[in-house]
Amino acid sequence: MVFSCFNQDQLLDEVDFKALFQRLGQQSVQEKLTKQWIDHCLHQLGAR
């Protein structure tokens, strides 16, 4: 079993891994941009 918000009890054989990996890749870019923005803001505040 794999947990998901949409279908909490979906079988592992029914998971669309290609779409999952694509989505995780998209989130990775957003996470990196967010980290850079936080680092920038902390630097401007003199906290880094």
PDB file of N, CA and C in Angstrom:
ATOM      1  N   MET A   1       0.837  -1.194   0.000  1.00  0.00           N
ATOM      2  CA  MET A   1       0.000   0.000   0.000  1.00  0.00           C
ATOM      3  C   MET A   1       0.875   1.248   0.000  1.00  0.00           C
ATOM      4  N   VAL A   2       0.368   2.304  -0.608  1.00  0.00           N
ATOM      5  CA  VAL A   2       1.053   3.589  -0.666  1.00  0.00           C
ATOM      6  C   VAL A   2       0.076   4.650  -0.197  1.00  0.00           C
ATOM      7  N   PHE A   3       0.529   5.545   0.681  1.00  0.00           N
ATOM      8  CA  PHE A   3      -0.335   6.623   1.163  1.00  0.00           C
ATOM      9  C   PHE A   3      -0.370   7.764   0.159  1.00  0.00           C
ATOM     10  N   SER A   4      -1.545   8.267  -0.111  1.00  0.00           N
ATOM     11  CA  SER A   4      -1.702   9.490  -0.889  1.00  0.00           C
ATOM     12  C   SER A   4      -2.916  10.226  -0.344  1.00  0.00           C
ATOM     13  N   CYS A   5      -2.947  11.525  -0.501  1.00  0.00           N
ATOM     14  CA  CYS A   5      -4.070  12.302   0.013  1.00  0.00           C
ATOM     15  C   CYS A   5      -5.355  11.985  -0.752  1.00  0.00           C
ATOM     16  N   PHE A   6      -5.227  11.737  -2.049  1.00  0.00           N
ATOM     17  CA  PHE A   6      -6.405  11.499  -2.880  1.00  0.00           C
ATOM     18  C   PHE A   6      -7.017  10.134  -2.618  1.00  0.00           C
ATOM     19  N   ASN A   7      -6.202   9.114  -2.633  1.00  0.00           N
ATOM     20  CA  ASN A   7      -6.687   7.748  -2.466  1.00  0.00           C
ATOM     21  C   ASN A   7      -5.757   7.073  -1.468  1.00  0.00           C
ATOM     22  N   GLN A   8      -6.118   7.102  -0.218  1.00  0.00           N
ATOM     23  CA  GLN A   8      -5.199   6.726   0.841  1.00  0.00           C
ATOM     24  C   GLN A   8      -4.835   5.250   0.868  1.00  0.00           C
ATOM     25  N   ASP A   9      -5.542   4.417   0.161  1.00  0.00           N
ATOM     26  CA  ASP A   9      -5.264   2.980   0.195  1.00  0.00           C
ATOM     27  C   ASP A   9      -5.004   2.412  -1.193  1.00  0.00           C
ATOM     28  N   GLN A  10      -4.335   3.157  -2.061  1.00  0.00           N
ATOM     29  CA  GLN A  10      -4.121   2.627  -3.406  1.00  0.00           C
ATOM     30  C   GLN A  10      -3.006   1.583  -3.399  1.00  0.00           C
ATOM     31  N   LEU A  11      -3.181   0.601  -4.236  1.00  0.00           N
ATOM     32  CA  LEU A  11      -2.205  -0.467  -4.348  1.00  0.00           C
ATOM     33  C   LEU A  11      -0.947   0.041  -5.034  1.00  0.00           C
ATOM     34  N   LEU A  12       0.194  -0.489  -4.651  1.00  0.00           N
ATOM     35  CA  LEU A  12       1.462  -0.063  -5.217  1.00  0.00           C
ATOM     36  C   LEU A  12       1.492  -0.245  -6.730  1.00  0.00           C
ATOM     37  N   ASP A  13       0.828  -1.270  -7.243  1.00  0.00           N
ATOM     38  CA  ASP A  13       0.786  -1.522  -8.686  1.00  0.00           C
ATOM     39  C   ASP A  13      -0.002  -0.459  -9.444  1.00  0.00           C
ATOM     40  N   GLU A  14      -0.809   0.322  -8.734  1.00  0.00           N
ATOM     41  CA  GLU A  14      -1.636   1.332  -9.390  1.00  0.00           C
ATOM     42  C   GLU A  14      -1.016   2.730  -9.347  1.00  0.00           C
ATOM     43  N   VAL A  15       0.123   2.870  -8.715  1.00  0.00           N
ATOM     44  CA  VAL A  15       0.770   4.174  -8.613  1.00  0.00           C
ATOM     45  C   VAL A  15       1.422   4.524  -9.949  1.00  0.00           C
ATOM     46  N   ASP A  16       1.183   5.733 -10.416  1.00  0.00           N
ATOM     47  CA  ASP A  16       1.790   6.222 -11.653  1.00  0.00           C
ATOM     48  C   ASP A  16       3.153   6.822 -11.300  1.00  0.00           C
ATOM     49  N   PHE A  17       4.199   5.979 -11.307  1.00  0.00           N
ATOM     50  CA  PHE A  17       5.519   6.425 -10.869  1.00  0.00           C
ATOM     51  C   PHE A  17       6.119   7.463 -11.800  1.00  0.00           C
ATOM     52  N   LYS A  18       5.826   7.392 -13.084  1.00  0.00           N
ATOM     53  CA  LYS A  18       6.351   8.389 -14.021  1.00  0.00           C
ATOM     54  C   LYS A  18       5.832   9.776 -13.644  1.00  0.00           C
ATOM     55  N   ALA A  19       4.539   9.885 -13.400  1.00  0.00           N
ATOM     56  CA  ALA A  19       3.951  11.164 -13.004  1.00  0.00           C
ATOM     57  C   ALA A  19       4.467  11.590 -11.627  1.00  0.00           C
ATOM     58  N   LEU A  20       4.633  10.638 -10.724  1.00  0.00           N
ATOM     59  CA  LEU A  20       5.146  10.939  -9.392  1.00  0.00           C
ATOM     60  C   LEU A  20       6.545  11.554  -9.464  1.00  0.00           C
ATOM     61  N   PHE A  21       7.438  10.936 -10.240  1.00  0.00           N
ATOM     62  CA  PHE A  21       8.798  11.446 -10.357  1.00  0.00           C
ATOM     63  C   PHE A  21       8.832  12.802 -11.047  1.00  0.00           C
ATOM     64  N   GLN A  22       7.953  13.024 -12.031  1.00  0.00           N
ATOM     65  CA  GLN A  22       7.883  14.324 -12.684  1.00  0.00           C
ATOM     66  C   GLN A  22       7.446  15.398 -11.693  1.00  0.00           C
ATOM     67  N   ARG A  23       6.454  15.064 -10.893  1.00  0.00           N
ATOM     68  CA  ARG A  23       5.964  16.034  -9.904  1.00  0.00           C
ATOM     69  C   ARG A  23       7.032  16.335  -8.852  1.00  0.00           C
ATOM     70  N   LEU A  24       7.730  15.311  -8.396  1.00  0.00           N
ATOM     71  CA  LEU A  24       8.792  15.528  -7.425  1.00  0.00           C
ATOM     72  C   LEU A  24       9.897  16.398  -8.015  1.00  0.00           C
ATOM     73  N   GLY A  25      10.180  16.213  -9.295  1.00  0.00           N
ATOM     74  CA  GLY A  25      11.176  17.049  -9.961  1.00  0.00           C
ATOM     75  C   GLY A  25      10.748  18.506 -10.024  1.00  0.00           C
ATOM     76  N   GLN A  26       9.477  18.752 -10.274  1.00  0.00           N
ATOM     77  CA  GLN A  26       8.951  20.113 -10.307  1.00  0.00           C
ATOM     78  C   GLN A  26       9.032  20.744  -8.920  1.00  0.00           C
ATOM     79  N   GLN A  27       8.717  19.972  -7.903  1.00  0.00           N
ATOM     80  CA  GLN A  27       8.785  20.490  -6.541  1.00  0.00           C
ATOM     81  C   GLN A  27      10.221  20.784  -6.147  1.00  0.00           C
ATOM     82  N   SER A  28      11.158  20.009  -6.657  1.00  0.00           N
ATOM     83  CA  SER A  28      12.567  20.213  -6.345  1.00  0.00           C
ATOM     84  C   SER A  28      13.012  21.610  -6.774  1.00  0.00           C
ATOM     85  N   VAL A  29      12.582  22.039  -7.944  1.00  0.00           N
ATOM     86  CA  VAL A  29      12.942  23.372  -8.432  1.00  0.00           C
ATOM     87  C   VAL A  29      12.367  24.429  -7.500  1.00  0.00           C
ATOM     88  N   GLN A  30      11.119  24.291  -7.117  1.00  0.00           N
ATOM     89  CA  GLN A  30      10.479  25.264  -6.221  1.00  0.00           C
ATOM     90  C   GLN A  30      11.167  25.290  -4.864  1.00  0.00           C
ATOM     91  N   GLU A  31      11.539  24.124  -4.346  1.00  0.00           N
ATOM     92  CA  GLU A  31      12.231  24.064  -3.057  1.00  0.00           C
ATOM     93  C   GLU A  31      13.580  24.773  -3.130  1.00  0.00           C
ATOM     94  N   LYS A  32      14.309  24.611  -4.221  1.00  0.00           N
ATOM     95  CA  LYS A  32      15.606  25.275  -4.375  1.00  0.00           C
ATOM     96  C   LYS A  32      15.437  26.793  -4.460  1.00  0.00           C
ATOM     97  N   LEU A  33      14.429  27.245  -5.199  1.00  0.00           N
ATOM     98  CA  LEU A  33      14.174  28.687  -5.292  1.00  0.00           C
ATOM     99  C   LEU A  33      13.777  29.264  -3.939  1.00  0.00           C
ATOM    100  N   THR A  34      12.953  28.549  -3.203  1.00  0.00           N
ATOM    101  CA  THR A  34      12.530  29.003  -1.880  1.00  0.00           C
ATOM    102  C   THR A  34      13.725  29.105  -0.941  1.00  0.00           C
ATOM    103  N   LYS A  35      14.613  28.101  -0.983  1.00  0.00           N
ATOM    104  CA  LYS A  35      15.805  28.122  -0.134  1.00  0.00           C
ATOM    105  C   LYS A  35      16.677  29.332  -0.472  1.00  0.00           C
ATOM    106  N   GLN A  36      16.852  29.617  -1.753  1.00  0.00           N
ATOM    107  CA  GLN A  36      17.659  30.774  -2.157  1.00  0.00           C
ATOM    108  C   GLN A  36      17.028  32.075  -1.681  1.00  0.00           C
ATOM    109  N   TRP A  37      15.698  32.170  -1.773  1.00  0.00           N
ATOM    110  CA  TRP A  37      15.001  33.388  -1.344  1.00  0.00           C
ATOM    111  C   TRP A  37      15.146  33.584   0.169  1.00  0.00           C
ATOM    112  N   ILE A  38      14.997  32.513   0.936  1.00  0.00           N
ATOM    113  CA  ILE A  38      15.155  32.606   2.396  1.00  0.00           C
ATOM    114  C   ILE A  38      16.582  33.009   2.749  1.00  0.00           C
ATOM    115  N   ASP A  39      17.560  32.397   2.090  1.00  0.00           N
ATOM    116  CA  ASP A  39      18.961  32.766   2.336  1.00  0.00           C
ATOM    117  C   ASP A  39      19.202  34.247   2.010  1.00  0.00           C
ATOM    118  N   HIS A  40      18.644  34.706   0.912  1.00  0.00           N
ATOM    119  CA  HIS A  40      18.772  36.114   0.530  1.00  0.00           C
ATOM    120  C   HIS A  40      18.165  37.029   1.600  1.00  0.00           C
ATOM    121  N   CYS A  41      16.955  36.709   2.037  1.00  0.00           N
ATOM    122  CA  CYS A  41      16.279  37.535   3.045  1.00  0.00           C
ATOM    123  C   CYS A  41      17.052  37.544   4.359  1.00  0.00           C
ATOM    124  N   LEU A  42      17.541  36.389   4.790  1.00  0.00           N
ATOM    125  CA  LEU A  42      18.309  36.314   6.030  1.00  0.00           C
ATOM    126  C   LEU A  42      19.603  37.114   5.914  1.00  0.00           C
ATOM    127  N   HIS A  43      20.219  37.069   4.741  1.00  0.00           N
ATOM    128  CA  HIS A  43      21.447  37.842   4.523  1.00  0.00           C
ATOM    129  C   HIS A  43      21.157  39.341   4.613  1.00  0.00           C
ATOM    130  N   GLN A  44      20.044  39.762   4.003  1.00  0.00           N
ATOM    131  CA  GLN A  44      19.656  41.180   4.051  1.00  0.00           C
ATOM    132  C   GLN A  44      19.372  41.646   5.479  1.00  0.00           C
ATOM    133  N   LEU A  45      18.863  40.732   6.306  1.00  0.00           N
ATOM    134  CA  LEU A  45      18.572  41.072   7.705  1.00  0.00           C
ATOM    135  C   LEU A  45      19.799  40.965   8.599  1.00  0.00           C
ATOM    136  N   GLY A  46      20.892  40.481   8.027  1.00  0.00           N
ATOM    137  CA  GLY A  46      22.119  40.309   8.810  1.00  0.00           C
ATOM    138  C   GLY A  46      22.092  39.080   9.669  1.00  0.00           C
ATOM    139  N   ALA A  47      21.188  38.171   9.381  1.00  0.00           N
ATOM    140  CA  ALA A  47      21.074  36.943  10.164  1.00  0.00           C
ATOM    141  C   ALA A  47      21.978  35.843   9.637  1.00  0.00           C
ATOM    142  N   ARG A  48      22.650  36.086   8.526  1.00  0.00           N
ATOM    143  CA  ARG A  48      23.574  35.103   7.948  1.00  0.00           C
ATOM    144  C   ARG A  48      24.881  35.748   7.635  1.00  0.00           C
TER     145      ARG A  48
END
